[in-house]
Every structure is written in C-alpha cells, then in structure tokens.
C-alpha cells in the first residue's frame, strides 16, 4: 500500500466515512492514477479537468458516478494533499429529475381497498395518510399517548396516539389519523 493511499484511508477514518465511501473514493483515485500512469500527487488541475472530461464525454458515465469520481478526487486533493482544487468551468451532467405520478382520489381509494388482509390495508392507509416513505413505514413503533399511558390502538383515542420512526438518527413523531384507528 502506498503512503498516499494510507494517508487517504486515515483521513477518511478520521472523518467517519462509511466503508462504502472508502471503497468508492479509493477506486476513483485509483482510476485517475491508471488513466495517467502516474501518482495522483504528481497531477495538475489541468490533468484533473482532462480526466473529468474523459469520464463525462468519452465514458458517458451516469451523473451520479461522475460526481462520485469528482468527490473522491476532490477529497484527495483538498483533505489529503492540502492543495487547491478548482476544476473551473467544467459542468458535470445533472441527475435527471423524475416527477412522481399523481393519483386521483378514486385511484388512491382503489389501491387502499385492494388488499383483503386488514393489516395490509391499515398499513397502506397509515402510509398514505401520514405521508410516510416505505422505509419509514417499516420502522414505526407506537410509543403511547400524551398522558404517558400505553394502550392498544383499539382502546386509545386516535388523536392521542403517536408513532416514532426509529429509522433515522432523530426521531419524528406523528399523530395517527382517525381512519386506521377504526380498523
């Protein structure tokens, strides 16, 4: 392992980067070195611009991959080599925005009423009524009422019931709507 690679790994560990980020950034720098057949610390900003143009124009990589490569190289230059990093007027492609399909009330009702299983129908109602993502829906937990008492949903007034999303570092609390409580 080269000293430059070791320095980059240590810098990423100090900043608490995930193992996947370590892998991606190291791979980006490795590809840069292979492209020029030189150590990245011997490259100029002009070389970096030429490489990024190659990635965008010749390789036609996706916008997210181009940004990942740029971020890995930027991290090396700014955080490890302590050098200025300005790629100038290079415009990386933007990620295309997908506009979600909007459903009318009839379509929403058909989706919610489709499952025969009561639990599945209640989960769909909760997800739609509270505006939850699927990842948030699978992590919800009932935590009780404002009085501090914990009651099953069937016996608790619905306006008092909160749900804690444990999927995030910071908990968010939601009031349960009236409809799912009646199931």
N, C-alpha and C. Protein backbone atom coordinates (compact mmCIF):
# COMPACT_ATOMS: atom_id res chain seq x y z
N UNK A 1 0.85 -1.18 0.00
CA UNK A 1 0.00 0.00 0.00
C UNK A 1 0.90 1.24 0.00
N UNK A 2 0.56 2.16 -0.88
CA UNK A 2 1.37 3.38 -0.99
C UNK A 2 1.10 4.31 0.19
N UNK A 3 2.05 5.16 0.53
CA UNK A 3 1.82 6.12 1.63
C UNK A 3 0.65 7.06 1.34
N UNK A 4 0.46 7.42 0.06
CA UNK A 4 -0.65 8.32 -0.30
C UNK A 4 -1.99 7.64 -0.03
N UNK A 5 -2.10 6.38 -0.42
CA UNK A 5 -3.33 5.62 -0.18
C UNK A 5 -3.59 5.49 1.32
N UNK A 6 -2.54 5.19 2.08
CA UNK A 6 -2.67 5.06 3.53
C UNK A 6 -3.11 6.38 4.16
N UNK A 7 -2.57 7.49 3.69
CA UNK A 7 -2.97 8.81 4.20
C UNK A 7 -4.43 9.09 3.91
N UNK A 8 -4.88 8.70 2.72
CA UNK A 8 -6.27 8.93 2.34
C UNK A 8 -7.20 8.08 3.20
N UNK A 9 -6.84 6.84 3.46
CA UNK A 9 -7.65 5.96 4.30
C UNK A 9 -7.75 6.54 5.72
N UNK A 10 -6.63 6.99 6.25
CA UNK A 10 -6.63 7.58 7.60
C UNK A 10 -7.49 8.84 7.67
N UNK A 11 -7.42 9.67 6.63
CA UNK A 11 -8.23 10.90 6.60
C UNK A 11 -9.72 10.57 6.56
N UNK A 12 -10.09 9.54 5.80
CA UNK A 12 -11.50 9.14 5.73
C UNK A 12 -11.96 8.54 7.05
N UNK A 13 -11.09 7.78 7.71
CA UNK A 13 -11.45 7.20 9.01
C UNK A 13 -11.64 8.29 10.06
N UNK A 14 -10.79 9.31 10.04
CA UNK A 14 -10.92 10.41 10.99
C UNK A 14 -12.24 11.16 10.82
N UNK A 15 -12.73 11.22 9.60
CA UNK A 15 -13.99 11.92 9.33
C UNK A 15 -15.21 11.01 9.46
N UNK A 16 -14.99 9.74 9.76
CA UNK A 16 -16.10 8.82 9.99
C UNK A 16 -16.83 8.40 8.73
N UNK A 17 -16.15 8.37 7.60
CA UNK A 17 -16.80 7.95 6.36
C UNK A 17 -17.15 6.46 6.44
N UNK A 18 -18.21 6.08 5.76
CA UNK A 18 -18.64 4.68 5.75
C UNK A 18 -17.66 3.84 4.94
N UNK A 19 -17.62 2.53 5.18
CA UNK A 19 -16.75 1.65 4.40
C UNK A 19 -17.01 1.74 2.89
N UNK A 20 -18.26 1.93 2.52
CA UNK A 20 -18.61 2.03 1.10
C UNK A 20 -18.01 3.31 0.50
N UNK A 21 -18.00 4.40 1.24
CA UNK A 21 -17.40 5.64 0.77
C UNK A 21 -15.89 5.46 0.63
N UNK A 22 -15.27 4.78 1.58
CA UNK A 22 -13.84 4.48 1.48
C UNK A 22 -13.56 3.78 0.15
N UNK A 23 -14.32 2.74 -0.09
CA UNK A 23 -14.13 1.93 -1.30
C UNK A 23 -14.31 2.77 -2.56
N UNK A 24 -15.36 3.56 -2.60
CA UNK A 24 -15.68 4.36 -3.79
C UNK A 24 -14.63 5.43 -4.05
N UNK A 25 -14.23 6.16 -3.00
CA UNK A 25 -13.24 7.22 -3.17
C UNK A 25 -11.88 6.66 -3.57
N UNK A 26 -11.47 5.56 -2.94
CA UNK A 26 -10.19 4.95 -3.29
C UNK A 26 -10.20 4.45 -4.73
N UNK A 27 -11.32 3.89 -5.15
CA UNK A 27 -11.45 3.41 -6.53
C UNK A 27 -11.37 4.57 -7.52
N UNK A 28 -12.00 5.69 -7.18
CA UNK A 28 -11.97 6.87 -8.05
C UNK A 28 -10.54 7.37 -8.24
N UNK A 29 -9.78 7.42 -7.16
CA UNK A 29 -8.39 7.89 -7.24
C UNK A 29 -7.53 6.88 -7.98
N UNK A 30 -7.80 5.59 -7.77
CA UNK A 30 -7.06 4.54 -8.46
C UNK A 30 -7.27 4.63 -9.98
N UNK A 31 -8.51 4.87 -10.40
CA UNK A 31 -8.80 5.01 -11.83
C UNK A 31 -8.11 6.24 -12.42
N UNK A 32 -8.05 7.32 -11.64
CA UNK A 32 -7.35 8.53 -12.08
C UNK A 32 -5.87 8.23 -12.30
N UNK A 33 -5.24 7.54 -11.37
CA UNK A 33 -3.82 7.20 -11.47
C UNK A 33 -3.56 6.29 -12.67
N UNK A 34 -4.46 5.34 -12.89
CA UNK A 34 -4.31 4.43 -14.04
C UNK A 34 -4.45 5.16 -15.36
N UNK A 35 -5.32 6.15 -15.40
CA UNK A 35 -5.56 6.89 -16.65
C UNK A 35 -4.29 7.62 -17.08
N UNK A 36 -3.56 8.19 -16.13
CA UNK A 36 -2.35 8.96 -16.45
C UNK A 36 -1.05 8.17 -16.24
N UNK A 37 -1.13 6.97 -15.69
CA UNK A 37 0.06 6.17 -15.38
C UNK A 37 1.03 6.93 -14.47
N UNK A 38 0.46 7.71 -13.55
CA UNK A 38 1.26 8.49 -12.60
C UNK A 38 0.54 8.53 -11.26
N UNK A 39 1.31 8.84 -10.25
CA UNK A 39 0.71 9.02 -8.93
C UNK A 39 -0.15 10.29 -8.94
N UNK A 40 -1.31 10.26 -8.30
CA UNK A 40 -2.18 11.44 -8.30
C UNK A 40 -1.53 12.70 -7.72
N UNK A 41 -0.56 12.56 -6.83
CA UNK A 41 0.07 13.76 -6.26
C UNK A 41 0.98 14.46 -7.26
N UNK A 42 1.23 13.85 -8.42
CA UNK A 42 2.04 14.48 -9.47
C UNK A 42 1.18 15.13 -10.55
N UNK A 43 -0.14 15.08 -10.39
CA UNK A 43 -1.05 15.61 -11.41
C UNK A 43 -1.40 17.06 -11.13
N UNK A 44 -1.67 17.79 -12.21
CA UNK A 44 -2.07 19.19 -12.09
C UNK A 44 -3.58 19.30 -12.20
N UNK A 45 -4.08 20.50 -11.95
CA UNK A 45 -5.52 20.74 -12.08
C UNK A 45 -5.96 20.54 -13.53
N UNK A 46 -5.10 20.90 -14.49
CA UNK A 46 -5.40 20.67 -15.90
C UNK A 46 -5.55 19.19 -16.21
N UNK A 47 -4.72 18.36 -15.58
CA UNK A 47 -4.85 16.91 -15.76
C UNK A 47 -6.19 16.41 -15.23
N UNK A 48 -6.58 16.94 -14.09
CA UNK A 48 -7.86 16.54 -13.48
C UNK A 48 -9.02 16.94 -14.39
N UNK A 49 -8.96 18.15 -14.95
CA UNK A 49 -10.01 18.59 -15.87
C UNK A 49 -10.08 17.68 -17.08
N UNK A 50 -8.93 17.31 -17.63
CA UNK A 50 -8.89 16.41 -18.79
C UNK A 50 -9.50 15.06 -18.43
N UNK A 51 -9.19 14.55 -17.25
CA UNK A 51 -9.73 13.26 -16.83
C UNK A 51 -11.25 13.34 -16.66
N UNK A 52 -11.73 14.40 -16.03
CA UNK A 52 -13.18 14.53 -15.82
C UNK A 52 -13.92 14.68 -17.15
N UNK A 53 -13.31 15.38 -18.11
CA UNK A 53 -13.93 15.46 -19.44
C UNK A 53 -13.98 14.08 -20.08
N UNK A 54 -12.93 13.30 -19.89
CA UNK A 54 -12.90 11.93 -20.41
C UNK A 54 -14.03 11.10 -19.78
N UNK A 55 -14.22 11.24 -18.48
CA UNK A 55 -15.26 10.49 -17.78
C UNK A 55 -16.65 10.87 -18.29
N UNK A 56 -16.87 12.17 -18.47
CA UNK A 56 -18.19 12.65 -18.87
C UNK A 56 -18.45 12.39 -20.35
N UNK A 57 -17.51 12.75 -21.22
CA UNK A 57 -17.75 12.71 -22.66
C UNK A 57 -17.45 11.34 -23.27
N UNK A 58 -16.27 10.80 -22.99
CA UNK A 58 -15.87 9.54 -23.63
C UNK A 58 -16.52 8.32 -22.99
N UNK A 59 -16.48 8.26 -21.67
CA UNK A 59 -17.04 7.09 -21.00
C UNK A 59 -18.55 7.16 -20.85
N UNK A 60 -19.11 8.37 -20.91
CA UNK A 60 -20.55 8.60 -20.80
C UNK A 60 -21.13 7.92 -19.55
N UNK A 61 -20.49 8.18 -18.42
CA UNK A 61 -20.96 7.62 -17.16
C UNK A 61 -22.16 8.39 -16.65
N UNK A 62 -22.91 7.78 -15.77
CA UNK A 62 -24.10 8.43 -15.22
C UNK A 62 -23.69 9.66 -14.40
N UNK A 63 -24.60 10.61 -14.25
CA UNK A 63 -24.28 11.82 -13.47
C UNK A 63 -23.83 11.51 -12.04
N UNK A 64 -24.45 10.53 -11.41
CA UNK A 64 -24.06 10.21 -10.03
C UNK A 64 -22.66 9.60 -9.97
N UNK A 65 -22.29 8.80 -10.96
CA UNK A 65 -20.94 8.22 -10.99
C UNK A 65 -19.91 9.31 -11.25
N UNK A 66 -20.22 10.24 -12.14
CA UNK A 66 -19.30 11.37 -12.41
C UNK A 66 -19.07 12.18 -11.14
N UNK A 67 -20.13 12.46 -10.40
CA UNK A 67 -20.00 13.24 -9.16
C UNK A 67 -19.21 12.46 -8.10
N UNK A 68 -19.43 11.15 -8.06
CA UNK A 68 -18.69 10.33 -7.10
C UNK A 68 -17.19 10.37 -7.40
N UNK A 69 -16.85 10.26 -8.68
CA UNK A 69 -15.43 10.33 -9.06
C UNK A 69 -14.85 11.69 -8.69
N UNK A 70 -15.59 12.75 -9.01
CA UNK A 70 -15.13 14.10 -8.69
C UNK A 70 -14.93 14.28 -7.19
N UNK A 71 -15.88 13.80 -6.39
CA UNK A 71 -15.79 13.96 -4.94
C UNK A 71 -14.62 13.18 -4.35
N UNK A 72 -14.35 11.99 -4.88
CA UNK A 72 -13.21 11.21 -4.42
C UNK A 72 -11.90 11.91 -4.71
N UNK A 73 -11.79 12.46 -5.92
CA UNK A 73 -10.57 13.17 -6.32
C UNK A 73 -10.43 14.47 -5.54
N UNK A 74 -11.54 15.19 -5.36
CA UNK A 74 -11.51 16.43 -4.59
C UNK A 74 -11.07 16.16 -3.15
N UNK A 75 -11.58 15.08 -2.56
CA UNK A 75 -11.19 14.74 -1.19
C UNK A 75 -9.68 14.53 -1.10
N UNK A 76 -9.13 13.80 -2.06
CA UNK A 76 -7.69 13.55 -2.06
C UNK A 76 -6.91 14.86 -2.13
N UNK A 77 -7.28 15.72 -3.06
CA UNK A 77 -6.52 16.96 -3.26
C UNK A 77 -6.68 17.94 -2.11
N UNK A 78 -7.89 18.12 -1.64
CA UNK A 78 -8.14 19.14 -0.62
C UNK A 78 -7.78 18.65 0.78
N UNK A 79 -8.23 17.46 1.15
CA UNK A 79 -8.07 16.98 2.52
C UNK A 79 -6.75 16.26 2.77
N UNK A 80 -6.24 15.54 1.78
CA UNK A 80 -5.03 14.74 1.99
C UNK A 80 -3.78 15.49 1.52
N UNK A 81 -3.82 16.00 0.28
CA UNK A 81 -2.65 16.69 -0.27
C UNK A 81 -2.60 18.16 0.11
N UNK A 82 -3.71 18.68 0.66
CA UNK A 82 -3.80 20.07 1.09
C UNK A 82 -3.45 21.02 -0.06
N UNK A 83 -4.06 20.75 -1.22
CA UNK A 83 -3.84 21.58 -2.40
C UNK A 83 -5.16 22.22 -2.84
N UNK A 84 -5.04 23.32 -3.53
CA UNK A 84 -6.24 23.98 -4.07
C UNK A 84 -6.84 23.09 -5.14
N UNK A 85 -8.15 23.07 -5.19
CA UNK A 85 -8.83 22.23 -6.17
C UNK A 85 -9.94 23.03 -6.82
N UNK A 86 -9.72 23.42 -8.06
CA UNK A 86 -10.72 24.17 -8.80
C UNK A 86 -10.76 23.61 -10.21
N UNK A 87 -11.87 22.95 -10.54
CA UNK A 87 -11.97 22.35 -11.87
C UNK A 87 -12.50 23.33 -12.90
N UNK A 88 -12.65 24.57 -12.51
CA UNK A 88 -13.02 25.61 -13.46
C UNK A 88 -14.44 25.50 -13.99
N UNK A 89 -14.55 25.67 -15.28
CA UNK A 89 -15.85 25.75 -15.94
C UNK A 89 -16.44 24.39 -16.31
N UNK A 90 -15.89 23.32 -15.81
CA UNK A 90 -16.39 22.00 -16.15
C UNK A 90 -17.78 21.80 -15.57
N UNK A 91 -18.74 21.55 -16.43
CA UNK A 91 -20.10 21.31 -15.98
C UNK A 91 -20.39 19.82 -16.05
N UNK A 92 -20.55 19.21 -14.89
CA UNK A 92 -20.90 17.80 -14.86
C UNK A 92 -22.39 17.67 -15.15
N UNK A 93 -22.78 16.56 -15.75
CA UNK A 93 -24.21 16.39 -16.05
C UNK A 93 -25.03 16.33 -14.76
N UNK A 94 -26.22 16.88 -14.82
CA UNK A 94 -27.10 16.86 -13.66
C UNK A 94 -27.94 15.59 -13.71
N UNK A 95 -28.31 15.13 -12.53
CA UNK A 95 -29.15 13.95 -12.45
C UNK A 95 -30.55 14.32 -12.90
N UNK A 96 -31.13 13.55 -13.81
CA UNK A 96 -32.48 13.90 -14.27
C UNK A 96 -33.49 13.75 -13.13
N UNK A 97 -34.38 14.72 -13.05
CA UNK A 97 -35.40 14.68 -12.01
C UNK A 97 -36.60 13.90 -12.52
N UNK A 98 -37.04 12.98 -11.69
CA UNK A 98 -38.24 12.23 -12.05
C UNK A 98 -39.42 12.84 -11.32
N UNK A 99 -40.43 13.18 -12.05
CA UNK A 99 -41.63 13.75 -11.45
C UNK A 99 -42.56 12.59 -11.08
N UNK A 100 -42.97 12.51 -9.82
CA UNK A 100 -43.82 11.39 -9.42
C UNK A 100 -45.18 11.46 -10.09
N UNK A 101 -45.73 10.30 -10.33
CA UNK A 101 -47.05 10.22 -10.93
C UNK A 101 -48.08 10.55 -9.85
N UNK A 102 -49.00 11.44 -10.16
CA UNK A 102 -50.03 11.83 -9.21
C UNK A 102 -51.27 10.98 -9.44
N UNK A 103 -51.87 10.54 -8.35
CA UNK A 103 -53.07 9.72 -8.42
C UNK A 103 -54.27 10.55 -7.97
N UNK A 104 -55.42 10.29 -8.58
CA UNK A 104 -56.63 10.97 -8.12
C UNK A 104 -57.23 10.18 -6.96
N UNK A 105 -58.26 10.72 -6.33
CA UNK A 105 -58.86 10.09 -5.14
C UNK A 105 -59.37 8.69 -5.42
N UNK A 106 -59.95 8.51 -6.58
CA UNK A 106 -60.50 7.20 -6.94
C UNK A 106 -59.38 6.15 -7.03
N UNK A 107 -58.26 6.52 -7.62
CA UNK A 107 -57.14 5.59 -7.75
C UNK A 107 -56.52 5.28 -6.39
N UNK A 108 -56.42 6.28 -5.53
CA UNK A 108 -55.88 6.06 -4.18
C UNK A 108 -56.80 5.12 -3.40
N UNK A 109 -58.09 5.36 -3.48
CA UNK A 109 -59.05 4.50 -2.79
C UNK A 109 -58.97 3.07 -3.30
N UNK A 110 -58.82 2.89 -4.61
CA UNK A 110 -58.71 1.54 -5.18
C UNK A 110 -57.46 0.82 -4.67
N UNK A 111 -56.36 1.55 -4.55
CA UNK A 111 -55.12 0.94 -4.05
C UNK A 111 -55.28 0.54 -2.58
N UNK A 112 -55.87 1.42 -1.78
CA UNK A 112 -56.01 1.14 -0.35
C UNK A 112 -57.01 0.02 -0.10
N UNK A 113 -58.07 -0.04 -0.88
CA UNK A 113 -59.10 -1.06 -0.65
C UNK A 113 -58.77 -2.40 -1.31
N UNK A 114 -57.73 -2.47 -2.11
CA UNK A 114 -57.39 -3.70 -2.82
C UNK A 114 -56.98 -4.85 -1.89
N UNK A 115 -56.11 -4.64 -0.90
CA UNK A 115 -55.70 -5.78 -0.07
C UNK A 115 -56.87 -6.34 0.75
N UNK A 116 -56.96 -7.66 0.81
CA UNK A 116 -58.00 -8.30 1.60
C UNK A 116 -57.60 -8.37 3.08
N UNK A 117 -56.31 -8.43 3.33
CA UNK A 117 -55.79 -8.51 4.68
C UNK A 117 -55.95 -7.15 5.37
N UNK A 118 -56.57 -7.15 6.53
CA UNK A 118 -56.85 -5.92 7.26
C UNK A 118 -55.57 -5.19 7.67
N UNK A 119 -54.56 -5.96 8.06
CA UNK A 119 -53.28 -5.35 8.47
C UNK A 119 -52.64 -4.61 7.29
N UNK A 120 -52.66 -5.22 6.12
CA UNK A 120 -52.06 -4.59 4.94
C UNK A 120 -52.82 -3.32 4.55
N UNK A 121 -54.13 -3.38 4.65
CA UNK A 121 -54.94 -2.21 4.32
C UNK A 121 -54.66 -1.07 5.31
N UNK A 122 -54.52 -1.41 6.58
CA UNK A 122 -54.23 -0.41 7.60
C UNK A 122 -52.85 0.22 7.38
N UNK A 123 -51.88 -0.60 7.01
CA UNK A 123 -50.54 -0.08 6.72
C UNK A 123 -50.57 0.88 5.53
N UNK A 124 -51.31 0.53 4.49
CA UNK A 124 -51.43 1.43 3.34
C UNK A 124 -52.09 2.75 3.73
N UNK A 125 -53.14 2.67 4.54
CA UNK A 125 -53.81 3.90 4.99
C UNK A 125 -52.87 4.77 5.81
N UNK A 126 -52.12 4.14 6.71
CA UNK A 126 -51.19 4.88 7.55
C UNK A 126 -50.11 5.54 6.70
N UNK A 127 -49.58 4.78 5.76
CA UNK A 127 -48.52 5.29 4.88
C UNK A 127 -49.02 6.50 4.09
N UNK A 128 -50.19 6.37 3.50
CA UNK A 128 -50.72 7.45 2.68
C UNK A 128 -51.17 8.63 3.55
N UNK A 129 -51.88 8.34 4.63
CA UNK A 129 -52.42 9.39 5.49
C UNK A 129 -51.36 10.22 6.19
N UNK A 130 -50.24 9.59 6.55
CA UNK A 130 -49.16 10.30 7.26
C UNK A 130 -48.06 10.76 6.32
N UNK A 131 -48.15 10.38 5.05
CA UNK A 131 -47.13 10.78 4.08
C UNK A 131 -45.78 10.13 4.34
N UNK A 132 -45.80 8.86 4.74
CA UNK A 132 -44.56 8.16 5.06
C UNK A 132 -43.96 7.50 3.83
N UNK A 133 -42.64 7.37 3.85
CA UNK A 133 -41.95 6.55 2.86
C UNK A 133 -42.05 5.11 3.33
N UNK A 134 -41.82 4.18 2.41
CA UNK A 134 -41.89 2.77 2.77
C UNK A 134 -40.87 2.43 3.86
N UNK A 135 -39.66 2.99 3.74
CA UNK A 135 -38.62 2.72 4.74
C UNK A 135 -39.03 3.24 6.12
N UNK A 136 -39.79 4.32 6.17
CA UNK A 136 -40.27 4.85 7.44
C UNK A 136 -41.41 3.99 7.98
N UNK A 137 -42.25 3.50 7.08
CA UNK A 137 -43.39 2.69 7.49
C UNK A 137 -42.95 1.41 8.19
N UNK A 138 -41.89 0.77 7.70
CA UNK A 138 -41.46 -0.50 8.30
C UNK A 138 -40.77 -0.29 9.65
N UNK A 139 -40.41 0.94 10.00
CA UNK A 139 -39.74 1.21 11.27
C UNK A 139 -40.62 1.90 12.30
N UNK A 140 -41.90 2.08 12.04
CA UNK A 140 -42.72 2.81 13.01
C UNK A 140 -43.00 1.95 14.24
N UNK A 141 -43.11 2.64 15.36
CA UNK A 141 -43.42 1.98 16.63
C UNK A 141 -44.39 2.87 17.38
N UNK A 142 -45.42 2.26 17.95
CA UNK A 142 -46.34 3.01 18.79
C UNK A 142 -45.65 3.27 20.11
N UNK A 143 -45.68 4.51 20.58
CA UNK A 143 -44.97 4.83 21.82
C UNK A 143 -45.89 5.34 22.92
N UNK A 144 -47.19 5.44 22.69
CA UNK A 144 -48.09 5.82 23.76
C UNK A 144 -48.86 7.08 23.51
N UNK A 145 -49.56 7.52 24.51
CA UNK A 145 -50.40 8.70 24.42
C UNK A 145 -49.76 9.85 25.19
N UNK A 146 -50.27 11.07 25.02
CA UNK A 146 -49.69 12.21 25.74
C UNK A 146 -49.77 12.08 27.27
N UNK A 147 -50.72 11.27 27.76
CA UNK A 147 -50.85 11.10 29.21
C UNK A 147 -49.78 10.17 29.76
N UNK A 148 -49.04 9.52 28.88
CA UNK A 148 -48.00 8.61 29.33
C UNK A 148 -48.47 7.17 29.41
N UNK A 149 -49.78 6.96 29.31
CA UNK A 149 -50.30 5.60 29.35
C UNK A 149 -50.14 4.95 27.99
N UNK A 150 -49.86 3.67 27.98
CA UNK A 150 -49.78 2.95 26.71
C UNK A 150 -51.01 2.07 26.62
N UNK A 151 -51.75 2.24 25.56
CA UNK A 151 -52.95 1.44 25.33
C UNK A 151 -52.86 0.85 23.94
N UNK A 152 -53.46 -0.31 23.74
CA UNK A 152 -53.53 -0.80 22.36
C UNK A 152 -54.29 0.21 21.51
N UNK A 153 -54.01 0.22 20.23
CA UNK A 153 -54.62 1.20 19.33
C UNK A 153 -56.14 1.15 19.41
N UNK A 154 -56.70 -0.04 19.56
CA UNK A 154 -58.16 -0.16 19.55
C UNK A 154 -58.81 0.57 20.72
N UNK A 155 -58.12 0.70 21.87
CA UNK A 155 -58.74 1.34 23.02
C UNK A 155 -58.29 2.78 23.24
N UNK A 156 -57.32 3.23 22.50
CA UNK A 156 -56.77 4.57 22.69
C UNK A 156 -57.45 5.56 21.76
N UNK A 157 -57.76 6.76 22.25
CA UNK A 157 -58.27 7.77 21.32
C UNK A 157 -57.20 8.07 20.27
N UNK A 158 -57.59 8.02 19.02
CA UNK A 158 -56.62 8.11 17.93
C UNK A 158 -55.86 9.42 17.91
N UNK A 159 -56.50 10.50 18.29
CA UNK A 159 -55.81 11.79 18.24
C UNK A 159 -54.64 11.83 19.19
N UNK A 160 -54.62 10.93 20.20
CA UNK A 160 -53.56 10.95 21.21
C UNK A 160 -52.42 10.00 20.88
N UNK A 161 -52.56 9.23 19.85
CA UNK A 161 -51.55 8.22 19.55
C UNK A 161 -50.44 8.78 18.68
N UNK A 162 -49.23 8.52 19.06
CA UNK A 162 -48.09 8.97 18.28
C UNK A 162 -47.31 7.77 17.77
N UNK A 163 -46.55 8.00 16.74
CA UNK A 163 -45.72 6.95 16.16
C UNK A 163 -44.30 7.48 16.07
N UNK A 164 -43.35 6.67 16.48
CA UNK A 164 -41.95 7.06 16.43
C UNK A 164 -41.28 6.34 15.27
N UNK A 165 -40.60 7.08 14.43
CA UNK A 165 -39.85 6.49 13.33
C UNK A 165 -38.44 6.25 13.83
N UNK A 166 -38.05 4.98 13.96
CA UNK A 166 -36.73 4.68 14.50
C UNK A 166 -35.70 4.48 13.41
N UNK A 167 -36.04 4.75 12.17
CA UNK A 167 -35.11 4.58 11.07
C UNK A 167 -34.11 5.72 10.94
N UNK A 168 -34.37 6.82 11.59
CA UNK A 168 -33.49 7.99 11.49
C UNK A 168 -32.70 8.16 12.77
N UNK A 169 -31.69 8.99 12.71
CA UNK A 169 -30.94 9.31 13.92
C UNK A 169 -31.79 10.15 14.85
N UNK A 170 -32.64 10.98 14.28
CA UNK A 170 -33.50 11.85 15.05
C UNK A 170 -34.93 11.32 14.91
N UNK A 171 -35.61 11.13 16.00
CA UNK A 171 -36.96 10.59 15.96
C UNK A 171 -37.94 11.65 15.47
N UNK A 172 -38.95 11.20 14.75
CA UNK A 172 -40.02 12.11 14.36
C UNK A 172 -41.32 11.51 14.89
N UNK A 173 -42.21 12.37 15.30
CA UNK A 173 -43.45 11.93 15.91
C UNK A 173 -44.61 12.34 15.04
N UNK A 174 -45.57 11.45 14.89
CA UNK A 174 -46.72 11.71 14.05
C UNK A 174 -47.99 11.37 14.82
N UNK A 175 -49.03 12.11 14.56
CA UNK A 175 -50.33 11.74 15.08
C UNK A 175 -50.96 10.78 14.09
N UNK A 176 -51.57 9.75 14.61
CA UNK A 176 -52.23 8.78 13.76
C UNK A 176 -53.57 9.36 13.33
N UNK A 177 -53.90 9.21 12.06
CA UNK A 177 -55.18 9.73 11.59
C UNK A 177 -56.32 8.85 12.10
N UNK A 178 -57.54 9.34 12.01
CA UNK A 178 -58.70 8.63 12.56
C UNK A 178 -59.01 7.32 11.83
N UNK A 179 -58.87 7.29 10.52
CA UNK A 179 -59.27 6.11 9.73
C UNK A 179 -58.57 4.82 10.15
N UNK A 180 -57.23 4.75 10.18
CA UNK A 180 -56.59 3.48 10.53
C UNK A 180 -56.93 3.02 11.95
N UNK A 181 -57.23 3.94 12.85
CA UNK A 181 -57.56 3.56 14.23
C UNK A 181 -58.84 2.76 14.31
N UNK A 182 -59.77 3.03 13.42
CA UNK A 182 -61.06 2.35 13.48
C UNK A 182 -60.98 0.92 12.97
N UNK A 183 -59.88 0.56 12.32
CA UNK A 183 -59.71 -0.81 11.87
C UNK A 183 -59.21 -1.62 13.03
